[in-house]
Amino acid sequence: MPRYDADDTARIEARFTNDAGAPANPDSVTFTVERPDNTEQTFSGSDVLNPTTGYFYAEFVPADVLTFDTSEGVWRWRVASTGEGQGGEPGQFFVRPKYYDHWRPWVADCAARLRARTMTKGGGEVGAFTDDTRPTAEQVESLIDQASSEVLRALKIRNVPAELYEDIRTLVTVRACMHIELSYFTNEIRSDVSPYRELKELYKEGLAELQAAIEDSLDGGIDDAGGEVFLPTHSFPPAADVAAYKE
């Protein structure tokens, strides 16, 4: 998944071919972008560039569309075309939160918590997610991106207090590990031999503790930059926790 900072220029692109497999220009190409706040923006006509036959793209700066502090998270988009090469394809990219690198966990943090999942195709446990494990290191990176966005949304904060970096890093790690289990080991969750339920309990407890710590740290609503902080009154169950796994 492509990753950008909020003030980077994000590019969404698509390539089209005809029935013979040669590059071709459709009659029209439209990109629809769904932002992290679930609003949409459409790019069509002169907003879509076509530098070579069959290749189309649109560019924008996430912070120009949403504020720097609200643009973080997963941006989803879809391209649709009409005429020759007609079709549609989805895509997504991730916009990193402010001060992202200070508290974002590494792939190694997930591997340390889920060492038994770091198995190569040959069946050997290597203690790290690599190109030969399931999931791969790149796939775990994407799940960490998703977990990072979810934790910030659940905590309802714009800026992460420096004294809580490690706590939030731990919580994001647990959340990412939940996604690893849900994405790659669903059958083991159903048979109750997955650590998913334990991870879920850790996440709930950690989220509640962080909500209380943030309220204390920010004195009930003012962050260290002097901006308002919206504190939650309850936790929000993630969409990935499907009904089959609810207790």
Foldseek 3Di string as FASTA:
>chain_A
DAEAAQQDKDKDKFFFDAPVRHFADFPWKKKWKQFPVRDIDIATDPQWDDPDGRMIMHIDRNCVVPNNLRRFAKMKMKMAGHHGRGDMDIDIYGHAAVVRVLQQEAQLLLLQVPQVQCAFPVGDRDSGADPRGVVHRVVLVVLLSNLLVQLCVQFQFRDDPNVCSHLSSVLSSLSSNLVSCLVGPVVCLLVVNDCNVVSVVVNQVSSVVVLVVVCVVCVNFQDPVRDGGDGDPHGDDDPSCDPSNDD
